[in-house]
Amino acid sequence: MRSDKRDELVRKALDIFYRDGFHATGLDRLSDETGISKTTMFRHFRSKDDLILATIQRRDDGVRAWLHHRMDAAGPPRARLMALYDALGEWVAEPGFRSCLFLRAAAEYPDPAHPIHRLATEHKRRLARQVEAVAAEAGAPDPGGLSRALLLLKDGAAVAAHLGHAEDPVADARAGAEAILTATLPAARQYGLPAARTGAPP
């Protein structure tokens, strides 16, 4: 029962923090909207910062699992990399879209040594490693560089979509990603084809 109440608090607080921001959301509002008393909150978390860390960790786990599933189901390596932008398009179209929680957390807690900032940036590093592994499978000569480029397009599109200053930032990001992949990936590997063989057949 104790863990169920903790999970309920983290789940509801995540929705509120994402909607309204971290600094703008006080414990009184959290208590009012979640229906969980501040006394109960402090049984599970020593401070608001600890609750924020738990919500960010929950979001990290959920986002990376969701993207892994979407990418893994796409098939060949190039399709898996482009699945990032299919997922991005779905996310941006969701009601209540408010850009990237991790970028917002890092902006609200700008000190690189702050635990909230560190956890937000660690999410980006974990995601970069996830994409880098697919880029390596696709035969990219610089998997890390390709991962960073693709994720810069993804994050930029998310911010642009939230600001509303681009007509279709996801389409723009997709076009940029297609151009980068065409220019950098070996033709056979990116489509999951066997590498060309040299010499005469046996």
N, C-alpha and C. Protein backbone atom coordinates (compact mmCIF):
# COMPACT_ATOMS: atom_id res chain seq x y z
N MET A 1 0.83 -1.20 0.00
CA MET A 1 0.00 0.00 0.00
C MET A 1 0.86 1.25 0.00
N ARG A 2 1.96 1.22 0.81
CA ARG A 2 2.86 2.37 0.89
C ARG A 2 3.47 2.67 -0.48
N SER A 3 3.94 1.61 -1.18
CA SER A 3 4.55 1.82 -2.50
C SER A 3 3.51 2.27 -3.52
N ASP A 4 2.26 1.80 -3.37
CA ASP A 4 1.20 2.23 -4.29
C ASP A 4 0.95 3.73 -4.14
N LYS A 5 0.92 4.23 -2.91
CA LYS A 5 0.70 5.65 -2.69
C LYS A 5 1.86 6.48 -3.22
N ARG A 6 3.08 5.97 -3.05
CA ARG A 6 4.24 6.67 -3.58
C ARG A 6 4.16 6.74 -5.11
N ASP A 7 3.82 5.62 -5.75
CA ASP A 7 3.72 5.58 -7.20
C ASP A 7 2.62 6.53 -7.70
N GLU A 8 1.50 6.56 -6.97
CA GLU A 8 0.42 7.47 -7.36
C GLU A 8 0.88 8.92 -7.28
N LEU A 9 1.59 9.26 -6.21
CA LEU A 9 2.09 10.62 -6.04
C LEU A 9 3.05 11.00 -7.16
N VAL A 10 3.99 10.12 -7.48
CA VAL A 10 4.97 10.40 -8.53
C VAL A 10 4.27 10.57 -9.88
N ARG A 11 3.34 9.68 -10.17
CA ARG A 11 2.62 9.75 -11.45
C ARG A 11 1.83 11.06 -11.59
N LYS A 12 1.10 11.42 -10.56
CA LYS A 12 0.29 12.65 -10.62
C LYS A 12 1.17 13.90 -10.60
N ALA A 13 2.23 13.88 -9.78
CA ALA A 13 3.12 15.04 -9.72
C ALA A 13 3.82 15.26 -11.05
N LEU A 14 4.18 14.19 -11.73
CA LEU A 14 4.82 14.31 -13.04
C LEU A 14 3.92 15.08 -14.00
N ASP A 15 2.66 14.74 -14.05
CA ASP A 15 1.73 15.44 -14.94
C ASP A 15 1.64 16.92 -14.59
N ILE A 16 1.63 17.24 -13.32
CA ILE A 16 1.50 18.63 -12.89
C ILE A 16 2.79 19.41 -13.17
N PHE A 17 3.93 18.83 -12.84
CA PHE A 17 5.21 19.49 -13.12
C PHE A 17 5.37 19.73 -14.62
N TYR A 18 4.99 18.75 -15.43
CA TYR A 18 5.13 18.90 -16.88
C TYR A 18 4.23 20.02 -17.38
N ARG A 19 3.05 20.11 -16.84
CA ARG A 19 2.10 21.13 -17.28
C ARG A 19 2.50 22.53 -16.83
N ASP A 20 2.89 22.66 -15.56
CA ASP A 20 3.05 23.99 -14.96
C ASP A 20 4.48 24.39 -14.64
N GLY A 21 5.41 23.46 -14.70
CA GLY A 21 6.79 23.78 -14.34
C GLY A 21 7.09 23.39 -12.91
N PHE A 22 8.37 23.33 -12.57
CA PHE A 22 8.81 22.88 -11.26
C PHE A 22 8.73 23.98 -10.21
N HIS A 23 9.32 25.13 -10.50
CA HIS A 23 9.33 26.22 -9.52
C HIS A 23 7.94 26.77 -9.28
N ALA A 24 7.12 26.79 -10.32
CA ALA A 24 5.78 27.38 -10.21
C ALA A 24 4.80 26.48 -9.45
N THR A 25 5.18 25.25 -9.22
CA THR A 25 4.29 24.28 -8.56
C THR A 25 4.73 24.06 -7.12
N GLY A 26 3.93 24.57 -6.19
CA GLY A 26 4.25 24.40 -4.78
C GLY A 26 3.61 23.16 -4.20
N LEU A 27 3.98 22.84 -2.98
CA LEU A 27 3.46 21.65 -2.33
C LEU A 27 1.96 21.76 -2.06
N ASP A 28 1.48 22.98 -1.78
CA ASP A 28 0.04 23.15 -1.56
C ASP A 28 -0.74 22.78 -2.81
N ARG A 29 -0.26 23.24 -3.97
CA ARG A 29 -0.95 22.89 -5.21
C ARG A 29 -0.87 21.40 -5.48
N LEU A 30 0.30 20.82 -5.25
CA LEU A 30 0.43 19.38 -5.44
C LEU A 30 -0.55 18.62 -4.57
N SER A 31 -0.67 19.03 -3.32
CA SER A 31 -1.59 18.37 -2.41
C SER A 31 -3.04 18.52 -2.87
N ASP A 32 -3.39 19.74 -3.29
CA ASP A 32 -4.76 19.98 -3.75
C ASP A 32 -5.09 19.15 -4.99
N GLU A 33 -4.16 19.10 -5.95
CA GLU A 33 -4.46 18.44 -7.23
C GLU A 33 -4.30 16.92 -7.18
N THR A 34 -3.40 16.45 -6.35
CA THR A 34 -3.21 15.00 -6.27
C THR A 34 -4.14 14.35 -5.26
N GLY A 35 -4.64 15.16 -4.32
CA GLY A 35 -5.46 14.60 -3.26
C GLY A 35 -4.64 13.88 -2.20
N ILE A 36 -3.34 14.13 -2.19
CA ILE A 36 -2.42 13.50 -1.25
C ILE A 36 -1.89 14.57 -0.31
N SER A 37 -2.02 14.37 0.97
CA SER A 37 -1.64 15.39 1.94
C SER A 37 -0.13 15.61 1.95
N LYS A 38 0.28 16.79 2.39
CA LYS A 38 1.71 17.07 2.50
C LYS A 38 2.37 16.14 3.52
N THR A 39 1.64 15.79 4.56
CA THR A 39 2.19 14.85 5.54
C THR A 39 2.55 13.52 4.87
N THR A 40 1.64 13.04 4.02
CA THR A 40 1.91 11.79 3.30
C THR A 40 3.06 11.96 2.32
N MET A 41 3.12 13.11 1.66
CA MET A 41 4.24 13.36 0.74
C MET A 41 5.57 13.22 1.45
N PHE A 42 5.66 13.80 2.66
CA PHE A 42 6.93 13.78 3.37
C PHE A 42 7.23 12.42 4.00
N ARG A 43 6.26 11.54 4.01
CA ARG A 43 6.57 10.16 4.41
C ARG A 43 7.37 9.45 3.32
N HIS A 44 7.15 9.88 2.08
CA HIS A 44 7.80 9.23 0.94
C HIS A 44 9.02 9.99 0.43
N PHE A 45 9.02 11.31 0.60
CA PHE A 45 10.11 12.14 0.07
C PHE A 45 10.52 13.18 1.11
N ARG A 46 11.82 13.34 1.26
CA ARG A 46 12.32 14.29 2.26
C ARG A 46 12.08 15.74 1.85
N SER A 47 11.98 15.98 0.55
CA SER A 47 11.84 17.35 0.06
C SER A 47 11.15 17.35 -1.30
N LYS A 48 10.76 18.53 -1.73
CA LYS A 48 10.18 18.68 -3.07
C LYS A 48 11.19 18.26 -4.13
N ASP A 49 12.46 18.60 -3.93
CA ASP A 49 13.49 18.21 -4.91
C ASP A 49 13.56 16.69 -5.07
N ASP A 50 13.43 15.96 -3.96
CA ASP A 50 13.45 14.50 -4.06
C ASP A 50 12.25 13.98 -4.86
N LEU A 51 11.11 14.62 -4.69
CA LEU A 51 9.93 14.24 -5.48
C LEU A 51 10.16 14.56 -6.95
N ILE A 52 10.75 15.71 -7.24
CA ILE A 52 11.05 16.06 -8.63
C ILE A 52 11.99 15.03 -9.25
N LEU A 53 13.02 14.63 -8.51
CA LEU A 53 13.95 13.63 -9.03
C LEU A 53 13.23 12.33 -9.36
N ALA A 54 12.28 11.94 -8.52
CA ALA A 54 11.53 10.71 -8.79
C ALA A 54 10.67 10.84 -10.03
N THR A 55 10.08 12.02 -10.25
CA THR A 55 9.26 12.20 -11.45
C THR A 55 10.13 12.20 -12.71
N ILE A 56 11.30 12.80 -12.63
CA ILE A 56 12.19 12.83 -13.79
C ILE A 56 12.68 11.42 -14.11
N GLN A 57 12.99 10.63 -13.08
CA GLN A 57 13.43 9.26 -13.31
C GLN A 57 12.31 8.45 -13.95
N ARG A 58 11.08 8.65 -13.49
CA ARG A 58 9.95 7.94 -14.08
C ARG A 58 9.80 8.31 -15.55
N ARG A 59 9.94 9.60 -15.85
CA ARG A 59 9.82 10.05 -17.24
C ARG A 59 10.96 9.47 -18.09
N ASP A 60 12.15 9.45 -17.53
CA ASP A 60 13.30 8.89 -18.25
C ASP A 60 13.05 7.43 -18.62
N ASP A 61 12.61 6.65 -17.63
CA ASP A 61 12.34 5.23 -17.89
C ASP A 61 11.27 5.07 -18.96
N GLY A 62 10.21 5.86 -18.87
CA GLY A 62 9.10 5.73 -19.81
C GLY A 62 9.45 6.15 -21.21
N VAL A 63 10.15 7.28 -21.34
CA VAL A 63 10.50 7.80 -22.66
C VAL A 63 11.45 6.86 -23.37
N ARG A 64 12.48 6.40 -22.69
CA ARG A 64 13.47 5.55 -23.35
C ARG A 64 12.88 4.18 -23.71
N ALA A 65 12.02 3.66 -22.86
CA ALA A 65 11.37 2.38 -23.19
C ALA A 65 10.44 2.54 -24.39
N TRP A 66 9.71 3.65 -24.43
CA TRP A 66 8.80 3.92 -25.54
C TRP A 66 9.57 4.06 -26.85
N LEU A 67 10.65 4.85 -26.82
CA LEU A 67 11.44 5.03 -28.04
C LEU A 67 12.12 3.74 -28.46
N HIS A 68 12.60 2.97 -27.48
CA HIS A 68 13.22 1.68 -27.82
C HIS A 68 12.22 0.78 -28.53
N HIS A 69 11.01 0.74 -28.02
CA HIS A 69 9.98 -0.10 -28.64
C HIS A 69 9.68 0.39 -30.05
N ARG A 70 9.52 1.71 -30.21
CA ARG A 70 9.20 2.26 -31.53
C ARG A 70 10.33 2.00 -32.52
N MET A 71 11.56 2.19 -32.07
CA MET A 71 12.70 1.99 -32.96
C MET A 71 12.88 0.52 -33.28
N ASP A 72 12.76 -0.34 -32.28
CA ASP A 72 13.00 -1.77 -32.48
C ASP A 72 11.99 -2.37 -33.45
N ALA A 73 10.76 -1.84 -33.43
CA ALA A 73 9.70 -2.37 -34.29
C ALA A 73 9.81 -1.90 -35.73
N ALA A 74 10.70 -0.94 -35.98
CA ALA A 74 10.75 -0.33 -37.31
C ALA A 74 11.49 -1.16 -38.35
N GLY A 75 12.34 -2.10 -37.90
CA GLY A 75 13.02 -2.96 -38.86
C GLY A 75 14.49 -2.63 -39.05
N PRO A 76 14.92 -2.33 -40.29
CA PRO A 76 16.33 -2.08 -40.58
C PRO A 76 16.87 -0.86 -39.82
N PRO A 77 18.18 -0.74 -39.70
CA PRO A 77 18.77 0.33 -38.90
C PRO A 77 18.32 1.74 -39.31
N ARG A 78 18.30 2.02 -40.62
CA ARG A 78 17.89 3.36 -41.03
C ARG A 78 16.45 3.63 -40.60
N ALA A 79 15.57 2.67 -40.79
CA ALA A 79 14.17 2.85 -40.39
C ALA A 79 14.06 3.05 -38.89
N ARG A 80 14.91 2.37 -38.12
CA ARG A 80 14.89 2.54 -36.67
C ARG A 80 15.31 3.94 -36.28
N LEU A 81 16.31 4.48 -36.97
CA LEU A 81 16.73 5.86 -36.68
C LEU A 81 15.64 6.86 -37.05
N MET A 82 14.99 6.64 -38.18
CA MET A 82 13.93 7.55 -38.60
C MET A 82 12.68 7.41 -37.73
N ALA A 83 12.54 6.28 -37.05
CA ALA A 83 11.40 6.10 -36.15
C ALA A 83 11.41 7.13 -35.02
N LEU A 84 12.57 7.71 -34.73
CA LEU A 84 12.63 8.80 -33.76
C LEU A 84 11.65 9.91 -34.14
N TYR A 85 11.55 10.19 -35.42
CA TYR A 85 10.74 11.32 -35.88
C TYR A 85 9.27 10.94 -36.02
N ASP A 86 8.99 9.64 -36.24
CA ASP A 86 7.61 9.17 -36.16
C ASP A 86 7.10 9.36 -34.73
N ALA A 87 7.91 8.95 -33.76
CA ALA A 87 7.54 9.10 -32.36
C ALA A 87 7.42 10.58 -31.98
N LEU A 88 8.34 11.38 -32.48
CA LEU A 88 8.30 12.83 -32.22
C LEU A 88 7.00 13.44 -32.72
N GLY A 89 6.58 13.06 -33.92
CA GLY A 89 5.34 13.59 -34.47
C GLY A 89 4.15 13.24 -33.62
N GLU A 90 4.10 12.02 -33.10
CA GLU A 90 3.00 11.61 -32.23
C GLU A 90 3.01 12.40 -30.92
N TRP A 91 4.20 12.58 -30.37
CA TRP A 91 4.34 13.29 -29.10
C TRP A 91 3.90 14.76 -29.23
N VAL A 92 4.38 15.42 -30.28
CA VAL A 92 4.05 16.83 -30.49
C VAL A 92 2.55 17.03 -30.68
N ALA A 93 1.89 16.03 -31.26
CA ALA A 93 0.45 16.14 -31.52
C ALA A 93 -0.41 15.85 -30.30
N GLU A 94 0.21 15.40 -29.20
CA GLU A 94 -0.58 15.07 -28.02
C GLU A 94 -1.16 16.33 -27.38
N PRO A 95 -2.39 16.26 -26.86
CA PRO A 95 -2.94 17.38 -26.09
C PRO A 95 -2.06 17.65 -24.87
N GLY A 96 -1.82 18.91 -24.59
CA GLY A 96 -1.01 19.25 -23.43
C GLY A 96 0.48 19.18 -23.67
N PHE A 97 0.92 19.05 -24.93
CA PHE A 97 2.35 19.03 -25.24
C PHE A 97 3.01 20.32 -24.74
N ARG A 98 4.10 20.18 -23.98
CA ARG A 98 4.82 21.33 -23.42
C ARG A 98 6.33 21.20 -23.63
N SER A 99 6.75 20.74 -24.78
CA SER A 99 8.17 20.59 -25.08
C SER A 99 8.78 19.49 -24.21
N CYS A 100 10.09 19.52 -24.05
CA CYS A 100 10.84 18.44 -23.41
C CYS A 100 10.99 18.70 -21.91
N LEU A 101 10.50 17.78 -21.10
CA LEU A 101 10.60 17.92 -19.65
C LEU A 101 12.04 18.03 -19.19
N PHE A 102 12.95 17.32 -19.85
CA PHE A 102 14.34 17.29 -19.40
C PHE A 102 15.04 18.61 -19.71
N LEU A 103 14.77 19.19 -20.87
CA LEU A 103 15.32 20.50 -21.18
C LEU A 103 14.77 21.55 -20.23
N ARG A 104 13.50 21.45 -19.90
CA ARG A 104 12.89 22.40 -18.99
C ARG A 104 13.46 22.25 -17.58
N ALA A 105 13.68 21.02 -17.15
CA ALA A 105 14.27 20.79 -15.84
C ALA A 105 15.68 21.38 -15.76
N ALA A 106 16.48 21.15 -16.80
CA ALA A 106 17.84 21.68 -16.81
C ALA A 106 17.83 23.21 -16.83
N ALA A 107 16.84 23.81 -17.50
CA ALA A 107 16.74 25.27 -17.54
C ALA A 107 16.31 25.84 -16.19
N GLU A 108 15.37 25.16 -15.51
CA GLU A 108 14.91 25.65 -14.22
C GLU A 108 15.93 25.43 -13.11
N TYR A 109 16.79 24.45 -13.30
CA TYR A 109 17.86 24.16 -12.34
C TYR A 109 19.19 24.21 -13.11
N PRO A 110 19.68 25.43 -13.41
CA PRO A 110 20.80 25.57 -14.35
C PRO A 110 22.17 25.19 -13.78
N ASP A 111 22.30 25.03 -12.48
CA ASP A 111 23.59 24.66 -11.89
C ASP A 111 23.92 23.23 -12.31
N PRO A 112 25.00 23.03 -13.06
CA PRO A 112 25.33 21.66 -13.53
C PRO A 112 25.54 20.66 -12.39
N ALA A 113 25.83 21.16 -11.18
CA ALA A 113 26.05 20.26 -10.05
C ALA A 113 24.76 19.88 -9.33
N HIS A 114 23.67 20.54 -9.66
CA HIS A 114 22.41 20.24 -8.97
C HIS A 114 21.92 18.86 -9.39
N PRO A 115 21.45 18.04 -8.46
CA PRO A 115 20.99 16.69 -8.80
C PRO A 115 19.91 16.66 -9.88
N ILE A 116 19.01 17.64 -9.88
CA ILE A 116 17.94 17.66 -10.89
C ILE A 116 18.54 17.94 -12.26
N HIS A 117 19.47 18.88 -12.34
CA HIS A 117 20.14 19.17 -13.61
C HIS A 117 20.90 17.94 -14.09
N ARG A 118 21.62 17.29 -13.17
CA ARG A 118 22.42 16.12 -13.55
C ARG A 118 21.54 14.99 -14.07
N LEU A 119 20.41 14.76 -13.43
CA LEU A 119 19.54 13.68 -13.87
C LEU A 119 18.92 13.99 -15.23
N ALA A 120 18.56 15.26 -15.44
CA ALA A 120 17.99 15.66 -16.73
C ALA A 120 19.00 15.47 -17.85
N THR A 121 20.24 15.87 -17.61
CA THR A 121 21.26 15.72 -18.65
C THR A 121 21.66 14.26 -18.84
N GLU A 122 21.58 13.47 -17.76
CA GLU A 122 21.88 12.05 -17.90
C GLU A 122 20.87 11.36 -18.81
N HIS A 123 19.62 11.80 -18.77
CA HIS A 123 18.63 11.25 -19.70
C HIS A 123 19.09 11.45 -21.13
N LYS A 124 19.59 12.64 -21.44
CA LYS A 124 20.04 12.92 -22.81
C LYS A 124 21.23 12.04 -23.17
N ARG A 125 22.13 11.80 -22.22
CA ARG A 125 23.27 10.93 -22.51
C ARG A 125 22.83 9.49 -22.74
N ARG A 126 21.89 9.02 -21.93
CA ARG A 126 21.39 7.66 -22.12
C ARG A 126 20.71 7.50 -23.47
N LEU A 127 19.92 8.47 -23.84
CA LEU A 127 19.25 8.41 -25.13
C LEU A 127 20.26 8.46 -26.27
N ALA A 128 21.30 9.28 -26.11
CA ALA A 128 22.34 9.37 -27.13
C ALA A 128 23.03 8.03 -27.32
N ARG A 129 23.29 7.33 -26.22
CA ARG A 129 23.93 6.01 -26.33
C ARG A 129 23.00 5.01 -27.01
N GLN A 130 21.72 5.12 -26.73
CA GLN A 130 20.73 4.24 -27.35
C GLN A 130 20.72 4.43 -28.86
N VAL A 131 20.71 5.68 -29.31
CA VAL A 131 20.70 5.98 -30.73
C VAL A 131 22.05 5.64 -31.35
N GLU A 132 23.12 5.88 -30.62
CA GLU A 132 24.47 5.58 -31.13
C GLU A 132 24.62 4.10 -31.45
N ALA A 133 24.03 3.23 -30.64
CA ALA A 133 24.13 1.80 -30.89
C ALA A 133 23.47 1.42 -32.22
N VAL A 134 22.34 2.05 -32.52
CA VAL A 134 21.67 1.78 -33.80
C VAL A 134 22.49 2.37 -34.95
N ALA A 135 23.06 3.55 -34.73
CA ALA A 135 23.89 4.17 -35.76
C ALA A 135 25.10 3.30 -36.09
N ALA A 136 25.69 2.68 -35.06
CA ALA A 136 26.82 1.78 -35.29
C ALA A 136 26.39 0.56 -36.09
N GLU A 137 25.21 0.03 -35.77
CA GLU A 137 24.69 -1.12 -36.51
C GLU A 137 24.43 -0.76 -37.97
N ALA A 138 24.08 0.51 -38.20
CA ALA A 138 23.83 0.96 -39.57
C ALA A 138 25.11 1.22 -40.35
N GLY A 139 26.27 1.10 -39.66
CA GLY A 139 27.55 1.29 -40.34
C GLY A 139 28.03 2.72 -40.40
N ALA A 140 27.51 3.59 -39.54
CA ALA A 140 27.96 4.99 -39.54
C ALA A 140 29.44 5.06 -39.19
N PRO A 141 30.21 5.85 -39.93
CA PRO A 141 31.64 5.97 -39.61
C PRO A 141 31.88 6.66 -38.27
N ASP A 142 30.95 7.49 -37.84
CA ASP A 142 31.04 8.17 -36.54
C ASP A 142 29.68 8.04 -35.85
N PRO A 143 29.41 6.90 -35.23
CA PRO A 143 28.09 6.68 -34.62
C PRO A 143 27.72 7.73 -33.57
N GLY A 144 28.70 8.15 -32.78
CA GLY A 144 28.41 9.15 -31.76
C GLY A 144 28.03 10.48 -32.37
N GLY A 145 28.76 10.89 -33.40
CA GLY A 145 28.44 12.14 -34.07
C GLY A 145 27.09 12.11 -34.75
N LEU A 146 26.77 10.97 -35.36
CA LEU A 146 25.46 10.84 -36.00
C LEU A 146 24.35 10.88 -34.95
N SER A 147 24.54 10.21 -33.84
CA SER A 147 23.54 10.23 -32.77
C SER A 147 23.31 11.66 -32.29
N ARG A 148 24.37 12.40 -32.07
CA ARG A 148 24.22 13.78 -31.58
C ARG A 148 23.48 14.64 -32.60
N ALA A 149 23.79 14.47 -33.88
CA ALA A 149 23.14 15.26 -34.92
C ALA A 149 21.64 14.96 -34.99
N LEU A 150 21.29 13.69 -34.93
CA LEU A 150 19.88 13.30 -35.02
C LEU A 150 19.09 13.79 -33.81
N LEU A 151 19.73 13.74 -32.63
CA LEU A 151 19.02 14.18 -31.43
C LEU A 151 18.94 15.69 -31.33
N LEU A 152 19.92 16.39 -31.89
CA LEU A 152 19.81 17.85 -31.96
C LEU A 152 18.60 18.25 -32.82
N LEU A 153 18.42 17.55 -33.93
CA LEU A 153 17.24 17.81 -34.76
C LEU A 153 15.95 17.52 -34.00
N LYS A 154 15.94 16.40 -33.27
CA LYS A 154 14.76 16.03 -32.50
C LYS A 154 14.44 17.08 -31.42
N ASP A 155 15.45 17.45 -30.63
CA ASP A 155 15.22 18.43 -29.56
C ASP A 155 14.84 19.79 -30.13
N GLY A 156 15.51 20.18 -31.21
CA GLY A 156 15.18 21.47 -31.82
C GLY A 156 13.75 21.51 -32.33
N ALA A 157 13.30 20.41 -32.91
CA ALA A 157 11.93 20.35 -33.41
C ALA A 157 10.93 20.42 -32.26
N ALA A 158 11.24 19.76 -31.14
CA ALA A 158 10.34 19.79 -29.98
C ALA A 158 10.21 21.20 -29.44
N VAL A 159 11.33 21.91 -29.34
CA VAL A 159 11.29 23.30 -28.85
C VAL A 159 10.53 24.19 -29.83
N ALA A 160 10.82 24.04 -31.12
CA ALA A 160 10.14 24.85 -32.14
C ALA A 160 8.63 24.60 -32.14
N ALA A 161 8.25 23.34 -31.95
CA ALA A 161 6.82 23.02 -31.92
C ALA A 161 6.14 23.67 -30.73
N HIS A 162 6.84 23.71 -29.60
CA HIS A 162 6.27 24.34 -28.41
C HIS A 162 6.17 25.84 -28.59
N LEU A 163 7.17 26.45 -29.20
CA LEU A 163 7.16 27.90 -29.42
C LEU A 163 6.18 28.30 -30.52
N GLY A 164 5.92 27.38 -31.45
CA GLY A 164 4.96 27.65 -32.51
C GLY A 164 5.46 28.58 -33.59
N HIS A 165 6.78 28.68 -33.77
CA HIS A 165 7.30 29.61 -34.78
C HIS A 165 7.69 28.92 -36.08
N ALA A 166 7.40 27.64 -36.21
CA ALA A 166 7.67 26.92 -37.46
C ALA A 166 6.39 26.20 -37.87
N GLU A 167 6.15 26.15 -39.16
CA GLU A 167 4.90 25.56 -39.65
C GLU A 167 4.82 24.08 -39.34
N ASP A 168 5.91 23.34 -39.61
CA ASP A 168 5.93 21.91 -39.34
C ASP A 168 7.35 21.50 -38.97
N PRO A 169 7.76 21.77 -37.72
CA PRO A 169 9.15 21.50 -37.34
C PRO A 169 9.50 20.02 -37.37
N VAL A 170 8.53 19.14 -37.16
CA VAL A 170 8.83 17.71 -37.22
C VAL A 170 9.18 17.31 -38.64
N ALA A 171 8.44 17.83 -39.62
CA ALA A 171 8.77 17.54 -41.02
C ALA A 171 10.15 18.10 -41.38
N ASP A 172 10.47 19.28 -40.85
CA ASP A 172 11.79 19.87 -41.10
C ASP A 172 12.88 18.99 -40.51
N ALA A 173 12.66 18.52 -39.28
CA ALA A 173 13.66 17.65 -38.65
C ALA A 173 13.80 16.34 -39.41
N ARG A 174 12.69 15.79 -39.85
CA ARG A 174 12.71 14.54 -40.61
C ARG A 174 13.52 14.71 -41.90
N ALA A 175 13.29 15.82 -42.61
CA ALA A 175 14.01 16.07 -43.86
C ALA A 175 15.51 16.20 -43.60
N GLY A 176 15.85 16.90 -42.51
CA GLY A 176 17.26 17.03 -42.16
C GLY A 176 17.89 15.69 -41.83
N ALA A 177 17.16 14.87 -41.09
CA ALA A 177 17.67 13.55 -40.72
C ALA A 177 17.85 12.67 -41.95
N GLU A 178 16.89 12.70 -42.86
CA GLU A 178 17.00 11.92 -44.10
C GLU A 178 18.25 12.31 -44.87
N ALA A 179 18.51 13.61 -44.97
CA ALA A 179 19.69 14.08 -45.70
C ALA A 179 20.98 13.61 -45.03
N ILE A 180 21.03 13.69 -43.71
CA ILE A 180 22.22 13.26 -42.98
C ILE A 180 22.45 11.75 -43.15
N LEU A 181 21.40 10.97 -43.03
CA LEU A 181 21.55 9.52 -43.16
C LEU A 181 21.98 9.13 -44.56
N THR A 182 21.40 9.76 -45.57
CA THR A 182 21.78 9.46 -46.96
C THR A 182 23.25 9.77 -47.20
N ALA A 183 23.72 10.86 -46.59
CA ALA A 183 25.10 11.29 -46.82
C ALA A 183 26.12 10.47 -46.04
N THR A 184 25.71 9.87 -44.92
CA THR A 184 26.70 9.26 -44.03
C THR A 184 26.66 7.74 -43.93
N LEU A 185 25.53 7.12 -44.23
CA LEU A 185 25.42 5.68 -44.03
C LEU A 185 25.74 4.89 -45.29
N PRO A 186 26.44 3.77 -45.17
CA PRO A 186 26.64 2.88 -46.32
C PRO A 186 25.28 2.38 -46.81
N ALA A 187 25.09 2.35 -48.09
CA ALA A 187 23.78 2.02 -48.66
C ALA A 187 23.28 0.66 -48.20
N ALA A 188 24.14 -0.34 -48.18
CA ALA A 188 23.67 -1.69 -47.82
C ALA A 188 23.29 -1.77 -46.36
N ARG A 189 24.14 -1.28 -45.48
CA ARG A 189 23.92 -1.46 -44.05
C ARG A 189 22.70 -0.68 -43.57
N GLN A 190 22.48 0.52 -44.10
CA GLN A 190 21.39 1.33 -43.57
C GLN A 190 20.02 0.71 -43.85
N TYR A 191 19.92 -0.09 -44.90
CA TYR A 191 18.65 -0.74 -45.23
C TYR A 191 18.61 -2.19 -44.76
N GLY A 192 19.63 -2.61 -44.02
CA GLY A 192 19.63 -3.95 -43.47
C GLY A 192 19.98 -5.01 -44.49
N LEU A 193 20.65 -4.61 -45.57
CA LEU A 193 21.03 -5.57 -46.61
C LEU A 193 22.42 -6.13 -46.28
N PRO A 194 22.74 -7.29 -46.76
CA PRO A 194 24.09 -7.82 -46.53
C PRO A 194 25.11 -7.00 -47.28
N ALA A 195 26.30 -6.88 -46.70
CA ALA A 195 27.36 -6.12 -47.35
C ALA A 195 27.75 -6.76 -48.67
N ALA A 196 28.17 -5.92 -49.60
CA ALA A 196 28.57 -6.42 -50.92
C ALA A 196 29.79 -7.35 -50.75
N ARG A 197 29.78 -8.46 -51.45
CA ARG A 197 30.89 -9.40 -51.40
C ARG A 197 31.88 -9.10 -52.52
N THR A 198 33.13 -9.35 -52.22
CA THR A 198 34.16 -9.13 -53.23
C THR A 198 34.63 -10.46 -53.77
N GLY A 199 35.20 -10.45 -54.99
CA GLY A 199 35.72 -11.67 -55.58
C GLY A 199 34.64 -12.47 -56.27
N ALA A 200 35.06 -13.53 -56.95
CA ALA A 200 34.14 -14.38 -57.71
C ALA A 200 33.37 -15.29 -56.77
N PRO A 201 32.15 -15.58 -57.11
CA PRO A 201 31.38 -16.51 -56.27
C PRO A 201 32.01 -17.89 -56.33
N PRO A 202 31.82 -18.72 -55.27
CA PRO A 202 32.42 -20.06 -55.27
C PRO A 202 31.80 -20.93 -56.33
